[in-house]
Amino acid sequence: MLIRLFSRRILLLATCLFLAGCVSSPNPVTFDHTAYQFSSQKGNVTIYTGSSGRKIQVEHTDTKILVRVENDVYQVTGNPDHISVRFPDGRMLESLYTEDTGAGLASSGTNVTFEDWDRMDALRMLAFNTELKQPKPINLWQILGGSLLFIGGLLNLLQPRLAWQLSEGWRYENLEPSSLYLGFIRFSGAILLLLAIYLTTNQPGG
């Protein structure tokens, strides 16, 4: 009875981790040292929720993109390679992105800080969805192998007698596996489930 209860808990945990590993999640964006994740979208308004509970609202209009961070509004124009941003304090900053040199920052005012560089990168990602919703690449062979291991582990953990019958018992008549061997089959099922979780959660780029 205790072994069966333990097996069910392992199965529940393994299933949750296995499904989580198969699902691709979007990358977060960091704004003012807070990580924000895509939350919802309705019409031309997209909401990102931060780890602290704060929200960022991105509204696309005909002429500009408004990024609202609490009471501050950033007005973004241009394109992902060349953006212009009017900060809440009235400063106008421009950033040019190239493959060779990365990002370059220009300002029409003064007092440009390192935080402004970080904000410009974050505003670019928020306004144009660059690098935000790109899922991590998935190795289909890795997913297939993990799925087969998961099924095999599931069978061994829940139905060790059936697993023995399919692998060895069909070759003999009037033979039964010992309780110790059935326990070993259950243990091997747990190992297979752990391997399946490892394969599906350790995707390249994750």
C-alpha atoms as a PDB file:
ATOM      1  CA  MET A   1       0.000   0.000   0.000  1.00  0.00           C
ATOM      2  CA  LEU A   2       2.807   2.393   0.914  1.00  0.00           C
ATOM      3  CA  ILE A   3       4.693   1.575  -2.307  1.00  0.00           C
ATOM      4  CA  ARG A   4       1.597   2.252  -4.416  1.00  0.00           C
ATOM      5  CA  LEU A   5       0.993   5.610  -2.702  1.00  0.00           C
ATOM      6  CA  PHE A   6       4.636   6.559  -3.226  1.00  0.00           C
ATOM      7  CA  SER A   7       4.392   5.478  -6.873  1.00  0.00           C
ATOM      8  CA  ARG A   8       1.342   7.664  -7.471  1.00  0.00           C
ATOM      9  CA  ARG A   9       3.094  10.712  -6.049  1.00  0.00           C
ATOM     10  CA  ILE A  10       6.139  10.077  -8.218  1.00  0.00           C
ATOM     11  CA  LEU A  11       3.855   9.666 -11.225  1.00  0.00           C
ATOM     12  CA  LEU A  12       2.044  12.960 -10.553  1.00  0.00           C
ATOM     13  CA  LEU A  13       5.302  14.880 -10.117  1.00  0.00           C
ATOM     14  CA  ALA A  14       6.883  13.270 -13.187  1.00  0.00           C
ATOM     15  CA  THR A  15       3.851  14.033 -15.358  1.00  0.00           C
ATOM     16  CA  CYS A  16       3.845  17.711 -14.359  1.00  0.00           C
ATOM     17  CA  LEU A  17       7.586  18.084 -14.983  1.00  0.00           C
ATOM     18  CA  PHE A  18       7.405  16.167 -18.263  1.00  0.00           C
ATOM     19  CA  LEU A  19       4.598  18.342 -19.637  1.00  0.00           C
ATOM     20  CA  ALA A  20       6.384  21.489 -18.454  1.00  0.00           C
ATOM     21  CA  GLY A  21       9.493  20.420 -20.317  1.00  0.00           C
ATOM     22  CA  CYS A  22       7.570  19.900 -23.558  1.00  0.00           C
ATOM     23  CA  VAL A  23       6.044  23.374 -23.462  1.00  0.00           C
ATOM     24  CA  SER A  24       8.086  26.219 -24.886  1.00  0.00           C
ATOM     25  CA  SER A  25       7.947  29.456 -22.905  1.00  0.00           C
ATOM     26  CA  PRO A  26       8.682  32.979 -24.103  1.00  0.00           C
ATOM     27  CA  ASN A  27      11.765  34.787 -22.923  1.00  0.00           C
ATOM     28  CA  PRO A  28      11.329  37.518 -20.286  1.00  0.00           C
ATOM     29  CA  VAL A  29      12.421  41.137 -20.698  1.00  0.00           C
ATOM     30  CA  THR A  30      14.136  43.059 -17.900  1.00  0.00           C
ATOM     31  CA  PHE A  31      13.066  46.656 -17.259  1.00  0.00           C
ATOM     32  CA  ASP A  32      14.620  48.537 -14.340  1.00  0.00           C
ATOM     33  CA  HIS A  33      15.982  45.310 -12.822  1.00  0.00           C
ATOM     34  CA  THR A  34      12.567  43.605 -12.910  1.00  0.00           C
ATOM     35  CA  ALA A  35      11.804  40.638 -15.182  1.00  0.00           C
ATOM     36  CA  TYR A  36       8.545  40.935 -17.161  1.00  0.00           C
ATOM     37  CA  GLN A  37       6.755  38.116 -18.962  1.00  0.00           C
ATOM     38  CA  PHE A  38       4.058  38.269 -21.643  1.00  0.00           C
ATOM     39  CA  SER A  39       0.687  38.132 -19.868  1.00  0.00           C
ATOM     40  CA  SER A  40      -2.184  38.924 -22.244  1.00  0.00           C
ATOM     41  CA  GLN A  41      -3.172  40.773 -25.403  1.00  0.00           C
ATOM     42  CA  LYS A  42      -6.437  42.441 -26.340  1.00  0.00           C
ATOM     43  CA  GLY A  43      -6.661  44.348 -29.581  1.00  0.00           C
ATOM     44  CA  ASN A  44      -3.689  46.678 -29.909  1.00  0.00           C
ATOM     45  CA  VAL A  45      -2.819  46.541 -26.198  1.00  0.00           C
ATOM     46  CA  THR A  46      -0.370  43.997 -24.772  1.00  0.00           C
ATOM     47  CA  ILE A  47       0.210  43.444 -21.063  1.00  0.00           C
ATOM     48  CA  TYR A  48       3.444  42.198 -19.490  1.00  0.00           C
ATOM     49  CA  THR A  49       3.544  41.216 -15.817  1.00  0.00           C
ATOM     50  CA  GLY A  50       6.668  41.556 -13.703  1.00  0.00           C
ATOM     51  CA  SER A  51       8.000  39.234 -11.060  1.00  0.00           C
ATOM     52  CA  SER A  52       7.089  41.894  -8.481  1.00  0.00           C
ATOM     53  CA  GLY A  53       3.479  42.092  -9.685  1.00  0.00           C
ATOM     54  CA  ARG A  54       3.942  45.358 -11.587  1.00  0.00           C
ATOM     55  CA  LYS A  55       2.559  45.572 -15.104  1.00  0.00           C
ATOM     56  CA  ILE A  56       3.731  47.146 -18.341  1.00  0.00           C
ATOM     57  CA  GLN A  57       1.129  48.131 -20.937  1.00  0.00           C
ATOM     58  CA  VAL A  58       2.168  48.408 -24.584  1.00  0.00           C
ATOM     59  CA  GLU A  59      -0.319  50.198 -26.861  1.00  0.00           C
ATOM     60  CA  HIS A  60       0.184  50.377 -30.624  1.00  0.00           C
ATOM     61  CA  THR A  61      -1.307  53.475 -32.276  1.00  0.00           C
ATOM     62  CA  ASP A  62      -1.166  54.671 -35.887  1.00  0.00           C
ATOM     63  CA  THR A  63       1.853  56.918 -35.314  1.00  0.00           C
ATOM     64  CA  LYS A  64       3.669  55.610 -32.237  1.00  0.00           C
ATOM     65  CA  ILE A  65       3.902  52.917 -29.596  1.00  0.00           C
ATOM     66  CA  LEU A  66       3.089  53.896 -26.030  1.00  0.00           C
ATOM     67  CA  VAL A  67       4.799  51.913 -23.280  1.00  0.00           C
ATOM     68  CA  ARG A  68       3.251  52.613 -19.874  1.00  0.00           C
ATOM     69  CA  VAL A  69       5.176  51.641 -16.759  1.00  0.00           C
ATOM     70  CA  GLU A  70       2.937  52.678 -13.860  1.00  0.00           C
ATOM     71  CA  ASN A  71       2.686  56.501 -14.195  1.00  0.00           C
ATOM     72  CA  ASP A  72       5.522  56.823 -16.731  1.00  0.00           C
ATOM     73  CA  VAL A  73       4.796  56.817 -20.461  1.00  0.00           C
ATOM     74  CA  TYR A  74       7.510  56.134 -23.068  1.00  0.00           C
ATOM     75  CA  GLN A  75       6.682  57.107 -26.661  1.00  0.00           C
ATOM     76  CA  VAL A  76       8.428  54.817 -29.151  1.00  0.00           C
ATOM     77  CA  THR A  77       8.693  55.389 -32.906  1.00  0.00           C
ATOM     78  CA  GLY A  78      10.774  53.877 -35.702  1.00  0.00           C
ATOM     79  CA  ASN A  79      11.542  50.217 -36.277  1.00  0.00           C
ATOM     80  CA  PRO A  80      13.505  47.442 -34.516  1.00  0.00           C
ATOM     81  CA  ASP A  81      16.756  48.571 -36.196  1.00  0.00           C
ATOM     82  CA  HIS A  82      16.383  52.275 -35.472  1.00  0.00           C
ATOM     83  CA  ILE A  83      14.125  53.434 -32.660  1.00  0.00           C
ATOM     84  CA  SER A  84      13.417  56.828 -31.151  1.00  0.00           C
ATOM     85  CA  VAL A  85      12.055  57.155 -27.627  1.00  0.00           C
ATOM     86  CA  ARG A  86      10.658  60.185 -25.825  1.00  0.00           C
ATOM     87  CA  PHE A  87      11.225  59.589 -22.137  1.00  0.00           C
ATOM     88  CA  PRO A  88       8.741  60.746 -19.458  1.00  0.00           C
ATOM     89  CA  ASP A  89      11.116  63.590 -18.535  1.00  0.00           C
ATOM     90  CA  GLY A  90      11.022  64.925 -22.113  1.00  0.00           C
ATOM     91  CA  ARG A  91      14.411  63.660 -23.291  1.00  0.00           C
ATOM     92  CA  MET A  92      14.541  62.247 -26.821  1.00  0.00           C
ATOM     93  CA  LEU A  93      16.877  59.288 -27.302  1.00  0.00           C
ATOM     94  CA  GLU A  94      17.664  57.325 -30.446  1.00  0.00           C
ATOM     95  CA  SER A  95      19.250  53.906 -30.770  1.00  0.00           C
ATOM     96  CA  LEU A  96      20.618  52.300 -33.935  1.00  0.00           C
ATOM     97  CA  TYR A  97      21.070  48.537 -34.014  1.00  0.00           C
ATOM     98  CA  THR A  98      23.434  46.817 -36.440  1.00  0.00           C
ATOM     99  CA  GLU A  99      24.673  43.238 -36.631  1.00  0.00           C
ATOM    100  CA  ASP A 100      28.321  44.309 -36.587  1.00  0.00           C
ATOM    101  CA  THR A 101      28.376  46.836 -33.764  1.00  0.00           C
ATOM    102  CA  GLY A 102      25.255  46.041 -31.790  1.00  0.00           C
ATOM    103  CA  ALA A 103      23.455  49.075 -30.413  1.00  0.00           C
ATOM    104  CA  GLY A 104      24.542  52.682 -30.526  1.00  0.00           C
ATOM    105  CA  LEU A 105      22.781  55.362 -28.463  1.00  0.00           C
ATOM    106  CA  ALA A 106      22.340  59.014 -29.379  1.00  0.00           C
ATOM    107  CA  SER A 107      20.594  61.682 -27.356  1.00  0.00           C
ATOM    108  CA  SER A 108      19.119  65.082 -28.170  1.00  0.00           C
ATOM    109  CA  GLY A 109      19.569  66.088 -24.539  1.00  0.00           C
ATOM    110  CA  THR A 110      22.115  65.462 -21.811  1.00  0.00           C
ATOM    111  CA  ASN A 111      22.648  63.206 -18.831  1.00  0.00           C
ATOM    112  CA  VAL A 112      22.440  59.874 -20.648  1.00  0.00           C
ATOM    113  CA  THR A 113      23.068  57.057 -18.161  1.00  0.00           C
ATOM    114  CA  PHE A 114      23.817  53.377 -18.384  1.00  0.00           C
ATOM    115  CA  GLU A 115      20.255  52.730 -17.231  1.00  0.00           C
ATOM    116  CA  ASP A 116      19.069  54.553 -20.362  1.00  0.00           C
ATOM    117  CA  TRP A 117      20.890  51.990 -22.501  1.00  0.00           C
ATOM    118  CA  ASP A 118      19.154  49.161 -20.656  1.00  0.00           C
ATOM    119  CA  ARG A 119      15.768  50.868 -20.923  1.00  0.00           C
ATOM    120  CA  MET A 120      16.220  51.402 -24.663  1.00  0.00           C
ATOM    121  CA  ASP A 121      16.925  47.694 -25.175  1.00  0.00           C
ATOM    122  CA  ALA A 122      13.897  46.752 -23.082  1.00  0.00           C
ATOM    123  CA  LEU A 123      11.637  49.272 -24.857  1.00  0.00           C
ATOM    124  CA  ARG A 124      12.777  47.920 -28.228  1.00  0.00           C
ATOM    125  CA  MET A 125      11.833  44.383 -27.212  1.00  0.00           C
ATOM    126  CA  LEU A 126       8.514  45.481 -25.717  1.00  0.00           C
ATOM    127  CA  ALA A 127       7.522  47.684 -28.636  1.00  0.00           C
ATOM    128  CA  PHE A 128       8.500  45.335 -31.451  1.00  0.00           C
ATOM    129  CA  ASN A 129       8.332  41.938 -29.746  1.00  0.00           C
ATOM    130  CA  THR A 130      11.956  41.230 -30.625  1.00  0.00           C
ATOM    131  CA  GLU A 131      13.303  38.238 -28.704  1.00  0.00           C
ATOM    132  CA  LEU A 132      10.220  38.196 -26.468  1.00  0.00           C
ATOM    133  CA  LYS A 133       8.022  35.508 -27.978  1.00  0.00           C
ATOM    134  CA  GLN A 134      10.703  33.448 -29.639  1.00  0.00           C
ATOM    135  CA  PRO A 135      10.365  29.965 -28.135  1.00  0.00           C
ATOM    136  CA  LYS A 136      13.446  28.029 -27.289  1.00  0.00           C
ATOM    137  CA  PRO A 137      14.327  25.575 -30.064  1.00  0.00           C
ATOM    138  CA  ILE A 138      12.967  22.070 -29.603  1.00  0.00           C
ATOM    139  CA  ASN A 139      14.838  18.899 -30.513  1.00  0.00           C
ATOM    140  CA  LEU A 140      12.099  16.607 -31.817  1.00  0.00           C
ATOM    141  CA  TRP A 141      14.259  13.488 -31.469  1.00  0.00           C
ATOM    142  CA  GLN A 142      14.914  14.407 -27.860  1.00  0.00           C
ATOM    143  CA  ILE A 143      11.186  14.862 -27.250  1.00  0.00           C
ATOM    144  CA  LEU A 144      10.449  11.510 -28.952  1.00  0.00           C
ATOM    145  CA  GLY A 145      13.070   9.690 -26.906  1.00  0.00           C
ATOM    146  CA  GLY A 146      11.814  11.314 -23.717  1.00  0.00           C
ATOM    147  CA  SER A 147       8.236  10.341 -24.579  1.00  0.00           C
ATOM    148  CA  LEU A 148       9.173   6.688 -25.124  1.00  0.00           C
ATOM    149  CA  LEU A 149      11.084   6.618 -21.850  1.00  0.00           C
ATOM    150  CA  PHE A 150       8.134   8.256 -20.106  1.00  0.00           C
ATOM    151  CA  ILE A 151       5.717   5.611 -21.404  1.00  0.00           C
ATOM    152  CA  GLY A 152       8.089   2.787 -20.454  1.00  0.00           C
ATOM    153  CA  GLY A 153       8.665   4.245 -17.011  1.00  0.00           C
ATOM    154  CA  LEU A 154       4.933   4.725 -16.549  1.00  0.00           C
ATOM    155  CA  LEU A 155       4.277   1.074 -17.374  1.00  0.00           C
ATOM    156  CA  ASN A 156       7.006  -0.177 -15.057  1.00  0.00           C
ATOM    157  CA  LEU A 157       5.879   2.034 -12.195  1.00  0.00           C
ATOM    158  CA  LEU A 158       2.139   1.360 -12.374  1.00  0.00           C
ATOM    159  CA  GLN A 159       1.983  -2.149 -13.852  1.00  0.00           C
ATOM    160  CA  PRO A 160       5.228  -3.953 -13.019  1.00  0.00           C
ATOM    161  CA  ARG A 161       3.655  -7.396 -13.523  1.00  0.00           C
ATOM    162  CA  LEU A 162       2.438  -6.453 -17.006  1.00  0.00           C
ATOM    163  CA  ALA A 163       5.845  -4.987 -17.823  1.00  0.00           C
ATOM    164  CA  TRP A 164       7.480  -8.280 -16.779  1.00  0.00           C
ATOM    165  CA  GLN A 165       4.994 -10.253 -18.847  1.00  0.00           C
ATOM    166  CA  LEU A 166       5.681  -8.178 -21.952  1.00  0.00           C
ATOM    167  CA  SER A 167       9.467  -8.307 -21.576  1.00  0.00           C
ATOM    168  CA  GLU A 168      10.130 -11.799 -20.187  1.00  0.00           C
ATOM    169  CA  GLY A 169       7.028 -13.652 -19.021  1.00  0.00           C
ATOM    170  CA  TRP A 170       5.726 -14.428 -22.501  1.00  0.00           C
ATOM    171  CA  ARG A 171       8.623 -16.859 -22.980  1.00  0.00           C
ATOM    172  CA  TYR A 172       7.606 -19.112 -20.065  1.00  0.00           C
ATOM    173  CA  GLU A 173       4.544 -20.911 -18.724  1.00  0.00           C
ATOM    174  CA  ASN A 174       3.292 -21.064 -15.154  1.00  0.00           C
ATOM    175  CA  LEU A 175       5.920 -18.675 -13.849  1.00  0.00           C
ATOM    176  CA  GLU A 176       5.429 -15.640 -11.618  1.00  0.00           C
ATOM    177  CA  PRO A 177       7.942 -12.896 -10.773  1.00  0.00           C
ATOM    178  CA  SER A 178       8.967 -12.504  -7.160  1.00  0.00           C
ATOM    179  CA  SER A 179       7.849  -9.527  -5.077  1.00  0.00           C
ATOM    180  CA  LEU A 180      11.452  -8.364  -4.935  1.00  0.00           C
ATOM    181  CA  TYR A 181      11.730  -8.393  -8.714  1.00  0.00           C
ATOM    182  CA  LEU A 182       8.444  -6.497  -9.080  1.00  0.00           C
ATOM    183  CA  GLY A 183       9.844  -3.880  -6.701  1.00  0.00           C
ATOM    184  CA  PHE A 184      12.952  -3.654  -8.871  1.00  0.00           C
ATOM    185  CA  ILE A 185      10.749  -3.089 -11.935  1.00  0.00           C
ATOM    186  CA  ARG A 186       8.950  -0.266 -10.124  1.00  0.00           C
ATOM    187  CA  PHE A 187      12.291   1.282  -9.205  1.00  0.00           C
ATOM    188  CA  SER A 188      13.498   1.067 -12.805  1.00  0.00           C
ATOM    189  CA  GLY A 189      10.255   2.783 -13.858  1.00  0.00           C
ATOM    190  CA  ALA A 190      11.057   5.713 -11.573  1.00  0.00           C
ATOM    191  CA  ILE A 191      14.554   5.923 -13.102  1.00  0.00           C
ATOM    192  CA  LEU A 192      13.081   5.936 -16.617  1.00  0.00           C
ATOM    193  CA  LEU A 193      10.704   8.741 -15.658  1.00  0.00           C
ATOM    194  CA  LEU A 194      13.615  10.805 -14.330  1.00  0.00           C
ATOM    195  CA  LEU A 195      15.518  10.247 -17.587  1.00  0.00           C
ATOM    196  CA  ALA A 196      12.442  11.277 -19.564  1.00  0.00           C
ATOM    197  CA  ILE A 197      12.159  14.491 -17.534  1.00  0.00           C
ATOM    198  CA  TYR A 198      15.853  15.217 -18.053  1.00  0.00           C
ATOM    199  CA  LEU A 199      15.586  14.798 -21.825  1.00  0.00           C
ATOM    200  CA  THR A 200      12.515  17.012 -22.177  1.00  0.00           C
ATOM    201  CA  THR A 201      13.611  19.788 -19.807  1.00  0.00           C
ATOM    202  CA  ASN A 202      17.204  20.076 -21.042  1.00  0.00           C
ATOM    203  CA  GLN A 203      16.399  21.339 -24.515  1.00  0.00           C
ATOM    204  CA  PRO A 204      19.101  23.287 -26.392  1.00  0.00           C
ATOM    205  CA  GLY A 205      18.720  26.988 -25.855  1.00  0.00           C
ATOM    206  CA  GLY A 206      16.561  26.511 -22.743  1.00  0.00           C
END
